[in-house]
Amino acid sequence: MPNNTKNEQVEVMALFTYGNNPCEPLRFKRVDGREIKINSVESTQVKFSGDATIHKFVVNSTKGRHTLLFNSADLRWSLAG
């Protein structure tokens, strides 16, 4: 199912650890209440934007491929559309 929204705010359950990949998203919940379990993290990328660091995660679930963004300045997660 395609996602036609632009940067929808989502709630994410993530595992934070030490090492090369200190954050691993495990599942996320959309505004409409749908919860999506992440099967794998395909790639990660870091971008600096002013005072914030934006962490980009391309993830796979049974519902498809998604791009999650984590903003380190305001600690918000969003689903890129």
PDB file of N, CA and C in Angstrom:
ATOM      1  N   MET A   1       0.839  -1.169   0.000  1.00  0.00           N
ATOM      2  CA  MET A   1       0.000   0.000   0.000  1.00  0.00           C
ATOM      3  C   MET A   1       0.889   1.238   0.000  1.00  0.00           C
ATOM      4  N   PRO A   2       0.771   2.127  -0.983  1.00  0.00           N
ATOM      5  CA  PRO A   2       1.621   3.300  -1.039  1.00  0.00           C
ATOM      6  C   PRO A   2       1.266   4.297   0.054  1.00  0.00           C
ATOM      7  N   ASN A   3       2.280   5.016   0.495  1.00  0.00           N
ATOM      8  CA  ASN A   3       2.093   6.028   1.519  1.00  0.00           C
ATOM      9  C   ASN A   3       2.118   7.391   0.843  1.00  0.00           C
ATOM     10  N   ASN A   4       0.987   8.094   0.809  1.00  0.00           N
ATOM     11  CA  ASN A   4       0.894   9.367   0.119  1.00  0.00           C
ATOM     12  C   ASN A   4       1.068  10.563   1.038  1.00  0.00           C
ATOM     13  N   THR A   5       1.472  10.344   2.276  1.00  0.00           N
ATOM     14  CA  THR A   5       1.637  11.444   3.208  1.00  0.00           C
ATOM     15  C   THR A   5       3.074  11.939   3.160  1.00  0.00           C
ATOM     16  N   LYS A   6       3.264  13.174   3.579  1.00  0.00           N
ATOM     17  CA  LYS A   6       4.591  13.774   3.666  1.00  0.00           C
ATOM     18  C   LYS A   6       5.006  13.808   5.128  1.00  0.00           C
ATOM     19  N   ASN A   7       6.025  13.081   5.484  1.00  0.00           N
ATOM     20  CA  ASN A   7       6.574  13.087   6.838  1.00  0.00           C
ATOM     21  C   ASN A   7       5.510  12.979   7.931  1.00  0.00           C
ATOM     22  N   GLU A   8       4.768  11.901   7.912  1.00  0.00           N
ATOM     23  CA  GLU A   8       3.761  11.603   8.935  1.00  0.00           C
ATOM     24  C   GLU A   8       4.479  11.284  10.243  1.00  0.00           C
ATOM     25  N   GLN A   9       4.094  11.959  11.320  1.00  0.00           N
ATOM     26  CA  GLN A   9       4.700  11.665  12.613  1.00  0.00           C
ATOM     27  C   GLN A   9       4.239  10.290  13.072  1.00  0.00           C
ATOM     28  N   VAL A  10       5.173   9.473  13.565  1.00  0.00           N
ATOM     29  CA  VAL A  10       4.871   8.124  14.020  1.00  0.00           C
ATOM     30  C   VAL A  10       5.521   7.885  15.375  1.00  0.00           C
ATOM     31  N   GLU A  11       5.013   6.887  16.085  1.00  0.00           N
ATOM     32  CA  GLU A  11       5.635   6.420  17.319  1.00  0.00           C
ATOM     33  C   GLU A  11       6.479   5.208  16.954  1.00  0.00           C
ATOM     34  N   VAL A  12       7.701   5.155  17.460  1.00  0.00           N
ATOM     35  CA  VAL A  12       8.615   4.066  17.113  1.00  0.00           C
ATOM     36  C   VAL A  12       9.135   3.397  18.374  1.00  0.00           C
ATOM     37  N   MET A  13       9.135   2.061  18.368  1.00  0.00           N
ATOM     38  CA  MET A  13       9.815   1.297  19.403  1.00  0.00           C
ATOM     39  C   MET A  13      11.173   0.946  18.812  1.00  0.00           C
ATOM     40  N   ALA A  14      12.232   1.366  19.501  1.00  0.00           N
ATOM     41  CA  ALA A  14      13.574   1.142  18.976  1.00  0.00           C
ATOM     42  C   ALA A  14      14.488   0.642  20.082  1.00  0.00           C
ATOM     43  N   LEU A  15      15.519  -0.059  19.678  1.00  0.00           N
ATOM     44  CA  LEU A  15      16.544  -0.568  20.584  1.00  0.00           C
ATOM     45  C   LEU A  15      17.763   0.333  20.431  1.00  0.00           C
ATOM     46  N   PHE A  16      18.187   0.949  21.534  1.00  0.00           N
ATOM     47  CA  PHE A  16      19.370   1.800  21.524  1.00  0.00           C
ATOM     48  C   PHE A  16      20.501   1.066  22.233  1.00  0.00           C
ATOM     49  N   THR A  17      21.645   0.966  21.545  1.00  0.00           N
ATOM     50  CA  THR A  17      22.803   0.267  22.084  1.00  0.00           C
ATOM     51  C   THR A  17      24.071   1.048  21.745  1.00  0.00           C
ATOM     52  N   TYR A  18      25.210   0.468  22.025  1.00  0.00           N
ATOM     53  CA  TYR A  18      26.496   1.042  21.651  1.00  0.00           C
ATOM     54  C   TYR A  18      26.967   0.380  20.370  1.00  0.00           C
ATOM     55  N   GLY A  19      27.960   0.953  19.742  1.00  0.00           N
ATOM     56  CA  GLY A  19      28.551   0.322  18.561  1.00  0.00           C
ATOM     57  C   GLY A  19      28.331   1.111  17.295  1.00  0.00           C
ATOM     58  N   ASN A  20      28.524   0.443  16.166  1.00  0.00           N
ATOM     59  CA  ASN A  20      28.426   1.094  14.860  1.00  0.00           C
ATOM     60  C   ASN A  20      27.012   1.531  14.516  1.00  0.00           C
ATOM     61  N   ASN A  21      26.019   0.762  14.916  1.00  0.00           N
ATOM     62  CA  ASN A  21      24.617   1.092  14.670  1.00  0.00           C
ATOM     63  C   ASN A  21      23.904   1.195  16.015  1.00  0.00           C
ATOM     64  N   PRO A  22      23.972   2.373  16.656  1.00  0.00           N
ATOM     65  CA  PRO A  22      23.454   2.485  18.023  1.00  0.00           C
ATOM     66  C   PRO A  22      21.933   2.491  18.148  1.00  0.00           C
ATOM     67  N   CYS A  23      21.215   2.550  17.037  1.00  0.00           N
ATOM     68  CA  CYS A  23      19.751   2.560  17.085  1.00  0.00           C
ATOM     69  C   CYS A  23      19.192   1.598  16.049  1.00  0.00           C
ATOM     70  N   GLU A  24      18.249   0.766  16.499  1.00  0.00           N
ATOM     71  CA  GLU A  24      17.585  -0.169  15.586  1.00  0.00           C
ATOM     72  C   GLU A  24      16.076  -0.083  15.795  1.00  0.00           C
ATOM     73  N   PRO A  25      15.337   0.501  14.834  1.00  0.00           N
ATOM     74  CA  PRO A  25      13.880   0.538  14.979  1.00  0.00           C
ATOM     75  C   PRO A  25      13.298  -0.876  14.867  1.00  0.00           C
ATOM     76  N   LEU A  26      12.352  -1.197  15.744  1.00  0.00           N
ATOM     77  CA  LEU A  26      11.759  -2.536  15.789  1.00  0.00           C
ATOM     78  C   LEU A  26      10.325  -2.570  15.250  1.00  0.00           C
ATOM     79  N   ARG A  27       9.562  -1.518  15.522  1.00  0.00           N
ATOM     80  CA  ARG A  27       8.184  -1.410  15.038  1.00  0.00           C
ATOM     81  C   ARG A  27       7.766   0.042  15.122  1.00  0.00           C
ATOM     82  N   PHE A  28       6.723   0.407  14.373  1.00  0.00           N
ATOM     83  CA  PHE A  28       6.210   1.762  14.463  1.00  0.00           C
ATOM     84  C   PHE A  28       4.694   1.767  14.373  1.00  0.00           C
ATOM     85  N   LYS A  29       4.109   2.811  14.953  1.00  0.00           N
ATOM     86  CA  LYS A  29       2.658   2.962  14.972  1.00  0.00           C
ATOM     87  C   LYS A  29       2.307   4.248  14.239  1.00  0.00           C
ATOM     88  N   ARG A  30       1.396   4.113  13.267  1.00  0.00           N
ATOM     89  CA  ARG A  30       0.950   5.254  12.466  1.00  0.00           C
ATOM     90  C   ARG A  30      -0.150   6.012  13.200  1.00  0.00           C
ATOM     91  N   VAL A  31      -0.484   7.191  12.713  1.00  0.00           N
ATOM     92  CA  VAL A  31      -1.493   8.059  13.328  1.00  0.00           C
ATOM     93  C   VAL A  31      -2.844   7.356  13.437  1.00  0.00           C
ATOM     94  N   ASP A  32      -3.183   6.537  12.442  1.00  0.00           N
ATOM     95  CA  ASP A  32      -4.482   5.843  12.451  1.00  0.00           C
ATOM     96  C   ASP A  32      -4.503   4.617  13.367  1.00  0.00           C
ATOM     97  N   GLY A  33      -3.389   4.360  14.073  1.00  0.00           N
ATOM     98  CA  GLY A  33      -3.337   3.259  15.033  1.00  0.00           C
ATOM     99  C   GLY A  33      -2.736   1.970  14.502  1.00  0.00           C
ATOM    100  N   ARG A  34      -2.513   1.896  13.190  1.00  0.00           N
ATOM    101  CA  ARG A  34      -1.912   0.683  12.639  1.00  0.00           C
ATOM    102  C   ARG A  34      -0.482   0.537  13.140  1.00  0.00           C
ATOM    103  N   GLU A  35      -0.152  -0.661  13.609  1.00  0.00           N
ATOM    104  CA  GLU A  35       1.197  -0.938  14.085  1.00  0.00           C
ATOM    105  C   GLU A  35       1.895  -1.841  13.081  1.00  0.00           C
ATOM    106  N   ILE A  36       3.110  -1.476  12.717  1.00  0.00           N
ATOM    107  CA  ILE A  36       3.852  -2.216  11.703  1.00  0.00           C
ATOM    108  C   ILE A  36       5.154  -2.717  12.294  1.00  0.00           C
ATOM    109  N   LYS A  37       5.345  -4.036  12.230  1.00  0.00           N
ATOM    110  CA  LYS A  37       6.563  -4.668  12.729  1.00  0.00           C
ATOM    111  C   LYS A  37       7.632  -4.613  11.647  1.00  0.00           C
ATOM    112  N   ILE A  38       8.818  -4.190  12.028  1.00  0.00           N
ATOM    113  CA  ILE A  38       9.935  -4.102  11.087  1.00  0.00           C
ATOM    114  C   ILE A  38      10.661  -5.444  11.055  1.00  0.00           C
ATOM    115  N   ASN A  39      10.809  -6.003   9.855  1.00  0.00           N
ATOM    116  CA  ASN A  39      11.502  -7.281   9.692  1.00  0.00           C
ATOM    117  C   ASN A  39      13.005  -7.102   9.552  1.00  0.00           C
ATOM    118  N   SER A  40      13.426  -6.022   8.886  1.00  0.00           N
ATOM    119  CA  SER A  40      14.861  -5.790   8.696  1.00  0.00           C
ATOM    120  C   SER A  40      15.126  -4.323   8.405  1.00  0.00           C
ATOM    121  N   VAL A  41      16.343  -3.906   8.741  1.00  0.00           N
ATOM    122  CA  VAL A  41      16.803  -2.560   8.405  1.00  0.00           C
ATOM    123  C   VAL A  41      17.694  -2.708   7.182  1.00  0.00           C
ATOM    124  N   GLU A  42      17.263  -2.108   6.085  1.00  0.00           N
ATOM    125  CA  GLU A  42      17.984  -2.214   4.817  1.00  0.00           C
ATOM    126  C   GLU A  42      19.209  -1.304   4.786  1.00  0.00           C
ATOM    127  N   SER A  43      19.028  -0.060   5.258  1.00  0.00           N
ATOM    128  CA  SER A  43      20.161   0.876   5.270  1.00  0.00           C
ATOM    129  C   SER A  43      19.913   1.987   6.282  1.00  0.00           C
ATOM    130  N   THR A  44      21.005   2.623   6.681  1.00  0.00           N
ATOM    131  CA  THR A  44      20.938   3.774   7.572  1.00  0.00           C
ATOM    132  C   THR A  44      21.806   4.880   6.990  1.00  0.00           C
ATOM    133  N   GLN A  45      21.445   6.111   7.302  1.00  0.00           N
ATOM    134  CA  GLN A  45      22.193   7.251   6.804  1.00  0.00           C
ATOM    135  C   GLN A  45      22.025   8.386   7.812  1.00  0.00           C
ATOM    136  N   VAL A  46      23.056   9.203   7.961  1.00  0.00           N
ATOM    137  CA  VAL A  46      23.016  10.333   8.881  1.00  0.00           C
ATOM    138  C   VAL A  46      23.225  11.612   8.091  1.00  0.00           C
ATOM    139  N   LYS A  47      22.392  12.634   8.393  1.00  0.00           N
ATOM    140  CA  LYS A  47      22.502  13.930   7.735  1.00  0.00           C
ATOM    141  C   LYS A  47      22.439  15.012   8.810  1.00  0.00           C
ATOM    142  N   PHE A  48      23.269  16.016   8.688  1.00  0.00           N
ATOM    143  CA  PHE A  48      23.287  17.110   9.651  1.00  0.00           C
ATOM    144  C   PHE A  48      22.479  18.267   9.089  1.00  0.00           C
ATOM    145  N   SER A  49      21.578  18.799   9.930  1.00  0.00           N
ATOM    146  CA  SER A  49      20.693  19.881   9.514  1.00  0.00           C
ATOM    147  C   SER A  49      20.627  20.897  10.660  1.00  0.00           C
ATOM    148  N   GLY A  50      21.453  21.932  10.600  1.00  0.00           N
ATOM    149  CA  GLY A  50      21.508  22.907  11.688  1.00  0.00           C
ATOM    150  C   GLY A  50      21.990  22.245  12.961  1.00  0.00           C
ATOM    151  N   ASP A  51      21.214  22.396  14.041  1.00  0.00           N
ATOM    152  CA  ASP A  51      21.567  21.788  15.326  1.00  0.00           C
ATOM    153  C   ASP A  51      21.154  20.317  15.418  1.00  0.00           C
ATOM    154  N   ALA A  52      20.400  19.848  14.448  1.00  0.00           N
ATOM    155  CA  ALA A  52      19.865  18.490  14.498  1.00  0.00           C
ATOM    156  C   ALA A  52      20.682  17.520  13.654  1.00  0.00           C
ATOM    157  N   THR A  53      20.655  16.297  14.086  1.00  0.00           N
ATOM    158  CA  THR A  53      21.160  15.190  13.282  1.00  0.00           C
ATOM    159  C   THR A  53      19.943  14.381  12.877  1.00  0.00           C
ATOM    160  N   ILE A  54      19.761  14.165  11.584  1.00  0.00           N
ATOM    161  CA  ILE A  54      18.631  13.388  11.072  1.00  0.00           C
ATOM    162  C   ILE A  54      19.142  12.000  10.716  1.00  0.00           C
ATOM    163  N   HIS A  55      18.583  10.996  11.375  1.00  0.00           N
ATOM    164  CA  HIS A  55      18.941   9.602  11.114  1.00  0.00           C
ATOM    165  C   HIS A  55      17.872   9.017  10.198  1.00  0.00           C
ATOM    166  N   LYS A  56      18.292   8.508   9.063  1.00  0.00           N
ATOM    167  CA  LYS A  56      17.365   7.937   8.076  1.00  0.00           C
ATOM    168  C   LYS A  56      17.523   6.421   8.088  1.00  0.00           C
ATOM    169  N   PHE A  57      16.415   5.713   8.243  1.00  0.00           N
ATOM    170  CA  PHE A  57      16.390   4.252   8.256  1.00  0.00           C
ATOM    171  C   PHE A  57      15.466   3.777   7.147  1.00  0.00           C
ATOM    172  N   VAL A  58      15.974   3.000   6.223  1.00  0.00           N
ATOM    173  CA  VAL A  58      15.137   2.343   5.223  1.00  0.00           C
ATOM    174  C   VAL A  58      14.893   0.938   5.767  1.00  0.00           C
ATOM    175  N   VAL A  59      13.613   0.618   6.015  1.00  0.00           N
ATOM    176  CA  VAL A  59      13.261  -0.634   6.675  1.00  0.00           C
ATOM    177  C   VAL A  59      12.267  -1.429   5.832  1.00  0.00           C
ATOM    178  N   ASN A  60      12.220  -2.719   6.100  1.00  0.00           N
ATOM    179  CA  ASN A  60      11.289  -3.624   5.416  1.00  0.00           C
ATOM    180  C   ASN A  60      10.343  -4.243   6.431  1.00  0.00           C
ATOM    181  N   SER A  61       9.088  -4.378   6.023  1.00  0.00           N
ATOM    182  CA  SER A  61       8.077  -5.062   6.826  1.00  0.00           C
ATOM    183  C   SER A  61       7.237  -5.914   5.884  1.00  0.00           C
ATOM    184  N   THR A  62       6.279  -6.625   6.437  1.00  0.00           N
ATOM    185  CA  THR A  62       5.381  -7.398   5.574  1.00  0.00           C
ATOM    186  C   THR A  62       4.489  -6.470   4.756  1.00  0.00           C
ATOM    187  N   LYS A  63       4.391  -5.194   5.159  1.00  0.00           N
ATOM    188  CA  LYS A  63       3.584  -4.198   4.439  1.00  0.00           C
ATOM    189  C   LYS A  63       4.379  -3.488   3.346  1.00  0.00           C
ATOM    190  N   GLY A  64       5.684  -3.733   3.274  1.00  0.00           N
ATOM    191  CA  GLY A  64       6.503  -3.100   2.246  1.00  0.00           C
ATOM    192  C   GLY A  64       7.752  -2.448   2.794  1.00  0.00           C
ATOM    193  N   ARG A  65       8.245  -1.515   2.017  1.00  0.00           N
ATOM    194  CA  ARG A  65       9.483  -0.793   2.339  1.00  0.00           C
ATOM    195  C   ARG A  65       9.096   0.600   2.837  1.00  0.00           C
ATOM    196  N   HIS A  66       9.737   1.054   3.920  1.00  0.00           N
ATOM    197  CA  HIS A  66       9.408   2.337   4.530  1.00  0.00           C
ATOM    198  C   HIS A  66      10.686   3.101   4.831  1.00  0.00           C
ATOM    199  N   THR A  67      10.576   4.431   4.897  1.00  0.00           N
ATOM    200  CA  THR A  67      11.693   5.264   5.302  1.00  0.00           C
ATOM    201  C   THR A  67      11.300   6.004   6.569  1.00  0.00           C
ATOM    202  N   LEU A  68      12.030   5.719   7.651  1.00  0.00           N
ATOM    203  CA  LEU A  68      11.806   6.375   8.928  1.00  0.00           C
ATOM    204  C   LEU A  68      12.899   7.398   9.161  1.00  0.00           C
ATOM    205  N   LEU A  69      12.526   8.556   9.697  1.00  0.00           N
ATOM    206  CA  LEU A  69      13.479   9.608  10.006  1.00  0.00           C
ATOM    207  C   LEU A  69      13.412   9.910  11.500  1.00  0.00           C
ATOM    208  N   PHE A  70      14.579  10.012  12.133  1.00  0.00           N
ATOM    209  CA  PHE A  70      14.656  10.372  13.550  1.00  0.00           C
ATOM    210  C   PHE A  70      15.427  11.674  13.675  1.00  0.00           C
ATOM    211  N   ASN A  71      14.793  12.684  14.275  1.00  0.00           N
ATOM    212  CA  ASN A  71      15.401  13.990  14.468  1.00  0.00           C
ATOM    213  C   ASN A  71      15.969  14.043  15.883  1.00  0.00           C
ATOM    214  N   SER A  72      17.294  14.178  16.003  1.00  0.00           N
ATOM    215  CA  SER A  72      17.941  14.143  17.313  1.00  0.00           C
ATOM    216  C   SER A  72      17.673  15.401  18.138  1.00  0.00           C
ATOM    217  N   ALA A  73      17.289  16.503  17.496  1.00  0.00           N
ATOM    218  CA  ALA A  73      17.049  17.750  18.225  1.00  0.00           C
ATOM    219  C   ALA A  73      15.731  17.715  18.996  1.00  0.00           C
ATOM    220  N   ASP A  74      14.654  17.245  18.349  1.00  0.00           N
ATOM    221  CA  ASP A  74      13.358  17.221  19.021  1.00  0.00           C
ATOM    222  C   ASP A  74      12.897  15.800  19.382  1.00  0.00           C
ATOM    223  N   LEU A  75      13.741  14.811  19.088  1.00  0.00           N
ATOM    224  CA  LEU A  75      13.486  13.393  19.407  1.00  0.00           C
ATOM    225  C   LEU A  75      12.198  12.868  18.777  1.00  0.00           C
ATOM    226  N   ARG A  76      11.861  13.377  17.605  1.00  0.00           N
ATOM    227  CA  ARG A  76      10.653  12.923  16.901  1.00  0.00           C
ATOM    228  C   ARG A  76      11.002  11.988  15.752  1.00  0.00           C
ATOM    229  N   TRP A  77      10.112  11.028  15.559  1.00  0.00           N
ATOM    230  CA  TRP A  77      10.208  10.097  14.437  1.00  0.00           C
ATOM    231  C   TRP A  77       9.151  10.487  13.413  1.00  0.00           C
ATOM    232  N   SER A  78       9.479  10.310  12.142  1.00  0.00           N
ATOM    233  CA  SER A  78       8.483  10.514  11.090  1.00  0.00           C
ATOM    234  C   SER A  78       8.664   9.479  10.000  1.00  0.00           C
ATOM    235  N   LEU A  79       7.585   9.241   9.292  1.00  0.00           N
ATOM    236  CA  LEU A  79       7.563   8.332   8.161  1.00  0.00           C
ATOM    237  C   LEU A  79       7.608   9.190   6.917  1.00  0.00           C
ATOM    238  N   ALA A  80       8.670   9.090   6.163  1.00  0.00           N
ATOM    239  CA  ALA A  80       8.833   9.924   4.957  1.00  0.00           C
ATOM    240  C   ALA A  80       7.881   9.449   3.871  1.00  0.00           C
ATOM    241  N   GLY A  81       7.245  10.393   3.213  1.00  0.00           N
ATOM    242  CA  GLY A  81       6.253  10.076   2.191  1.00  0.00           C
ATOM    243  C   GLY A  81       6.789  10.184   0.801  1.00  0.00           C
TER     244      GLY A  81
END
